[in-house]
N, C-alpha and C. Protein backbone atom coordinates (compact mmCIF):
# COMPACT_ATOMS: atom_id res chain seq x y z
N UNK A 1 5.80 13.95 56.34
CA UNK A 1 6.48 15.19 56.08
C UNK A 1 7.35 15.08 54.82
N UNK A 2 8.03 13.94 54.69
CA UNK A 2 8.87 13.73 53.51
C UNK A 2 8.00 13.64 52.26
N UNK A 3 6.84 13.01 52.41
CA UNK A 3 5.91 12.88 51.27
C UNK A 3 5.45 14.26 50.80
N UNK A 4 5.25 15.18 51.73
CA UNK A 4 4.84 16.53 51.38
C UNK A 4 5.93 17.23 50.57
N UNK A 5 7.20 17.09 51.00
CA UNK A 5 8.30 17.69 50.25
C UNK A 5 8.44 17.08 48.87
N UNK A 6 8.24 15.76 48.77
CA UNK A 6 8.29 15.10 47.47
C UNK A 6 7.22 15.66 46.54
N UNK A 7 6.02 15.79 47.06
CA UNK A 7 4.91 16.32 46.24
C UNK A 7 5.17 17.75 45.81
N UNK A 8 5.72 18.55 46.69
CA UNK A 8 6.02 19.95 46.35
C UNK A 8 7.09 20.00 45.27
N UNK A 9 8.13 19.17 45.39
CA UNK A 9 9.20 19.15 44.39
C UNK A 9 8.66 18.68 43.04
N UNK A 10 7.85 17.63 43.04
CA UNK A 10 7.28 17.14 41.78
C UNK A 10 6.37 18.17 41.13
N UNK A 11 5.52 18.79 41.91
CA UNK A 11 4.61 19.81 41.39
C UNK A 11 5.39 21.01 40.89
N UNK A 12 6.40 21.42 41.64
CA UNK A 12 7.22 22.56 41.23
C UNK A 12 7.97 22.28 39.94
N UNK A 13 8.54 21.07 39.82
CA UNK A 13 9.26 20.74 38.58
C UNK A 13 8.30 20.64 37.40
N UNK A 14 7.11 20.16 37.65
CA UNK A 14 6.10 20.07 36.59
C UNK A 14 5.71 21.47 36.09
N UNK A 15 5.46 22.37 37.01
CA UNK A 15 5.09 23.74 36.64
C UNK A 15 6.27 24.44 35.98
N UNK A 16 7.48 24.27 36.52
CA UNK A 16 8.68 24.88 35.93
C UNK A 16 8.91 24.37 34.51
N UNK A 17 8.68 23.08 34.28
CA UNK A 17 8.83 22.51 32.95
C UNK A 17 7.92 23.21 31.95
N UNK A 18 6.65 23.35 32.27
CA UNK A 18 5.71 23.99 31.35
C UNK A 18 5.99 25.48 31.17
N UNK A 19 6.45 26.13 32.20
CA UNK A 19 6.80 27.55 32.06
C UNK A 19 7.98 27.72 31.12
N UNK A 20 9.03 26.92 31.30
CA UNK A 20 10.20 27.02 30.43
C UNK A 20 9.87 26.65 28.99
N UNK A 21 9.05 25.63 28.79
CA UNK A 21 8.66 25.24 27.44
C UNK A 21 7.85 26.35 26.78
N UNK A 22 6.93 26.95 27.52
CA UNK A 22 6.12 28.02 26.92
C UNK A 22 6.97 29.25 26.59
N UNK A 23 7.93 29.60 27.45
CA UNK A 23 8.81 30.73 27.14
C UNK A 23 9.64 30.45 25.89
N UNK A 24 10.14 29.24 25.75
CA UNK A 24 10.91 28.91 24.56
C UNK A 24 10.03 28.91 23.32
N UNK A 25 8.85 28.32 23.41
CA UNK A 25 7.98 28.19 22.25
C UNK A 25 7.52 29.55 21.74
N UNK A 26 7.21 30.47 22.62
CA UNK A 26 6.70 31.78 22.22
C UNK A 26 7.80 32.84 22.11
N UNK A 27 9.05 32.44 22.16
CA UNK A 27 10.14 33.42 22.05
C UNK A 27 10.27 33.90 20.60
N UNK A 28 10.81 35.09 20.44
CA UNK A 28 10.96 35.68 19.11
C UNK A 28 11.93 34.86 18.25
N UNK A 29 12.97 34.34 18.86
CA UNK A 29 13.95 33.56 18.10
C UNK A 29 13.32 32.29 17.53
N UNK A 30 12.51 31.63 18.34
CA UNK A 30 11.86 30.40 17.86
C UNK A 30 10.83 30.72 16.78
N UNK A 31 10.10 31.80 16.92
CA UNK A 31 9.11 32.18 15.91
C UNK A 31 9.81 32.50 14.59
N UNK A 32 10.97 33.18 14.66
CA UNK A 32 11.74 33.45 13.43
C UNK A 32 12.21 32.16 12.77
N UNK A 33 12.68 31.22 13.57
CA UNK A 33 13.13 29.93 13.02
C UNK A 33 11.98 29.17 12.36
N UNK A 34 10.83 29.17 12.97
CA UNK A 34 9.66 28.49 12.41
C UNK A 34 9.26 29.13 11.09
N UNK A 35 9.20 30.45 11.05
CA UNK A 35 8.83 31.15 9.81
C UNK A 35 9.86 30.91 8.71
N UNK A 36 11.13 30.87 9.09
CA UNK A 36 12.19 30.63 8.12
C UNK A 36 12.08 29.22 7.53
N UNK A 37 11.82 28.22 8.35
CA UNK A 37 11.70 26.85 7.84
C UNK A 37 10.44 26.69 7.00
N UNK A 38 9.36 27.35 7.36
CA UNK A 38 8.14 27.29 6.55
C UNK A 38 8.36 27.94 5.19
N UNK A 39 9.05 29.06 5.17
CA UNK A 39 9.35 29.72 3.91
C UNK A 39 10.24 28.85 3.03
N UNK A 40 11.20 28.19 3.64
CA UNK A 40 12.09 27.29 2.90
C UNK A 40 11.30 26.14 2.29
N UNK A 41 10.37 25.57 3.05
CA UNK A 41 9.56 24.47 2.53
C UNK A 41 8.65 24.92 1.40
N UNK A 42 8.12 26.12 1.51
CA UNK A 42 7.25 26.63 0.44
C UNK A 42 8.02 26.84 -0.85
N UNK A 43 9.22 27.36 -0.75
CA UNK A 43 10.03 27.57 -1.96
C UNK A 43 10.55 26.25 -2.51
N UNK A 44 10.77 25.30 -1.64
CA UNK A 44 11.26 23.99 -2.08
C UNK A 44 10.18 23.23 -2.85
N UNK A 45 8.92 23.37 -2.47
CA UNK A 45 7.83 22.66 -3.14
C UNK A 45 7.62 23.15 -4.56
N UNK A 46 7.94 24.39 -4.83
CA UNK A 46 7.75 24.92 -6.18
C UNK A 46 8.68 24.26 -7.19
N UNK A 47 9.82 23.78 -6.76
CA UNK A 47 10.77 23.15 -7.66
C UNK A 47 10.44 21.70 -7.97
N UNK A 48 9.46 21.13 -7.33
CA UNK A 48 9.12 19.73 -7.54
C UNK A 48 8.29 19.50 -8.80
N UNK A 49 7.87 20.54 -9.48
CA UNK A 49 7.02 20.36 -10.65
C UNK A 49 7.80 19.85 -11.86
N UNK A 50 9.10 19.97 -11.85
CA UNK A 50 9.92 19.56 -12.99
C UNK A 50 10.34 18.10 -12.92
N UNK A 51 9.92 17.37 -11.92
CA UNK A 51 10.33 15.98 -11.77
C UNK A 51 9.63 15.09 -12.80
N UNK A 52 10.34 14.14 -13.40
CA UNK A 52 9.70 13.24 -14.36
C UNK A 52 8.86 12.18 -13.65
N UNK A 53 7.83 11.72 -14.32
CA UNK A 53 6.98 10.67 -13.78
C UNK A 53 7.47 9.34 -14.33
N UNK A 54 7.79 8.42 -13.44
CA UNK A 54 8.32 7.13 -13.84
C UNK A 54 7.18 6.16 -14.11
N UNK A 55 7.36 5.31 -15.10
CA UNK A 55 6.33 4.32 -15.41
C UNK A 55 6.44 3.14 -14.44
N UNK A 56 5.35 2.47 -14.23
CA UNK A 56 5.30 1.36 -13.30
C UNK A 56 5.81 0.09 -13.97
N UNK A 57 6.69 -0.62 -13.30
CA UNK A 57 7.19 -1.88 -13.84
C UNK A 57 6.82 -3.05 -12.92
N UNK A 58 5.74 -2.91 -12.19
CA UNK A 58 5.33 -3.95 -11.24
C UNK A 58 4.08 -4.69 -11.67
N UNK A 59 3.79 -4.73 -12.96
CA UNK A 59 2.61 -5.44 -13.43
C UNK A 59 2.85 -6.94 -13.42
N UNK A 60 1.84 -7.69 -13.02
CA UNK A 60 1.84 -9.16 -13.02
C UNK A 60 2.99 -9.75 -12.21
N UNK A 61 3.29 -9.17 -11.09
CA UNK A 61 4.35 -9.72 -10.23
C UNK A 61 3.76 -10.68 -9.20
N UNK A 62 2.58 -10.39 -8.70
CA UNK A 62 1.97 -11.21 -7.67
C UNK A 62 1.29 -12.41 -8.33
N UNK A 63 1.62 -13.59 -7.80
CA UNK A 63 1.00 -14.83 -8.29
C UNK A 63 0.02 -15.28 -7.21
N UNK A 64 -1.24 -15.32 -7.57
CA UNK A 64 -2.27 -15.71 -6.62
C UNK A 64 -2.43 -17.23 -6.62
N UNK A 65 -2.61 -17.79 -5.45
CA UNK A 65 -2.82 -19.23 -5.36
C UNK A 65 -4.06 -19.51 -4.53
N UNK A 66 -4.56 -20.71 -4.63
CA UNK A 66 -5.76 -21.12 -3.90
C UNK A 66 -5.39 -21.97 -2.70
N UNK A 67 -4.47 -21.50 -1.89
CA UNK A 67 -4.04 -22.28 -0.74
C UNK A 67 -5.14 -22.46 0.28
N UNK A 68 -6.00 -21.47 0.42
CA UNK A 68 -7.10 -21.58 1.38
C UNK A 68 -8.07 -22.66 0.93
N UNK A 69 -8.39 -22.69 -0.35
CA UNK A 69 -9.29 -23.72 -0.87
C UNK A 69 -8.65 -25.11 -0.74
N UNK A 70 -7.38 -25.20 -1.02
CA UNK A 70 -6.69 -26.49 -0.87
C UNK A 70 -6.69 -26.95 0.58
N UNK A 71 -6.52 -26.02 1.50
CA UNK A 71 -6.55 -26.36 2.92
C UNK A 71 -7.94 -26.85 3.33
N UNK A 72 -8.96 -26.18 2.87
CA UNK A 72 -10.32 -26.60 3.21
C UNK A 72 -10.66 -27.98 2.67
N UNK A 73 -10.15 -28.30 1.50
CA UNK A 73 -10.41 -29.61 0.92
C UNK A 73 -9.68 -30.72 1.68
N UNK A 74 -8.46 -30.43 2.12
CA UNK A 74 -7.65 -31.44 2.81
C UNK A 74 -7.96 -31.53 4.30
N UNK A 75 -8.68 -30.58 4.83
CA UNK A 75 -8.96 -30.52 6.25
C UNK A 75 -9.84 -31.70 6.67
N UNK A 76 -9.49 -32.30 7.77
CA UNK A 76 -10.25 -33.43 8.28
C UNK A 76 -11.58 -32.93 8.82
N UNK A 77 -12.63 -33.64 8.52
CA UNK A 77 -13.96 -33.24 8.99
C UNK A 77 -14.19 -33.85 10.37
N UNK A 78 -14.51 -33.01 11.30
CA UNK A 78 -14.77 -33.47 12.66
C UNK A 78 -16.27 -33.64 12.85
N UNK A 79 -16.63 -34.67 13.56
CA UNK A 79 -18.04 -35.02 13.75
C UNK A 79 -18.56 -34.58 15.12
N UNK A 80 -17.86 -33.73 15.79
CA UNK A 80 -18.25 -33.31 17.13
C UNK A 80 -19.63 -32.65 17.12
N UNK A 81 -19.85 -31.73 16.20
CA UNK A 81 -21.13 -31.02 16.18
C UNK A 81 -22.26 -31.94 15.74
N UNK A 82 -21.95 -32.94 14.93
CA UNK A 82 -22.97 -33.93 14.56
C UNK A 82 -23.41 -34.74 15.77
N UNK A 83 -22.48 -35.05 16.64
CA UNK A 83 -22.82 -35.79 17.87
C UNK A 83 -23.72 -34.96 18.77
N UNK A 84 -23.45 -33.67 18.86
CA UNK A 84 -24.30 -32.80 19.67
C UNK A 84 -25.70 -32.72 19.10
N UNK A 85 -25.80 -32.62 17.77
CA UNK A 85 -27.12 -32.58 17.13
C UNK A 85 -27.89 -33.86 17.39
N UNK A 86 -27.23 -35.00 17.33
CA UNK A 86 -27.89 -36.27 17.54
C UNK A 86 -28.42 -36.37 18.96
N UNK A 87 -27.66 -35.90 19.93
CA UNK A 87 -28.11 -35.96 21.31
C UNK A 87 -29.27 -35.00 21.57
N UNK A 88 -29.27 -33.85 20.92
CA UNK A 88 -30.35 -32.90 21.15
C UNK A 88 -31.63 -33.35 20.46
N UNK A 89 -31.51 -34.14 19.38
CA UNK A 89 -32.68 -34.64 18.68
C UNK A 89 -33.39 -35.73 19.47
N UNK A 90 -32.66 -36.44 20.30
CA UNK A 90 -33.27 -37.58 21.04
C UNK A 90 -34.12 -37.16 22.16
């Protein structure tokens, strides 16, 4: 019986949540605010054309090294797979 009341309360709160959200989202006040912010962003973008373009000063900053090649050269060679090949050949 308690489980039934819990389920009803959870379902009711879930439905109430979506109803309240939809009323707020589709309200006239919210639609006016959305249109106002969109209009502000559109007018703001028009003023960005006067910005100067800065030149890049990041040329030749990265120094590449061959650490992977050095690691491969220094790496100890294991003969485990050679032992397996020798046993399979016999």
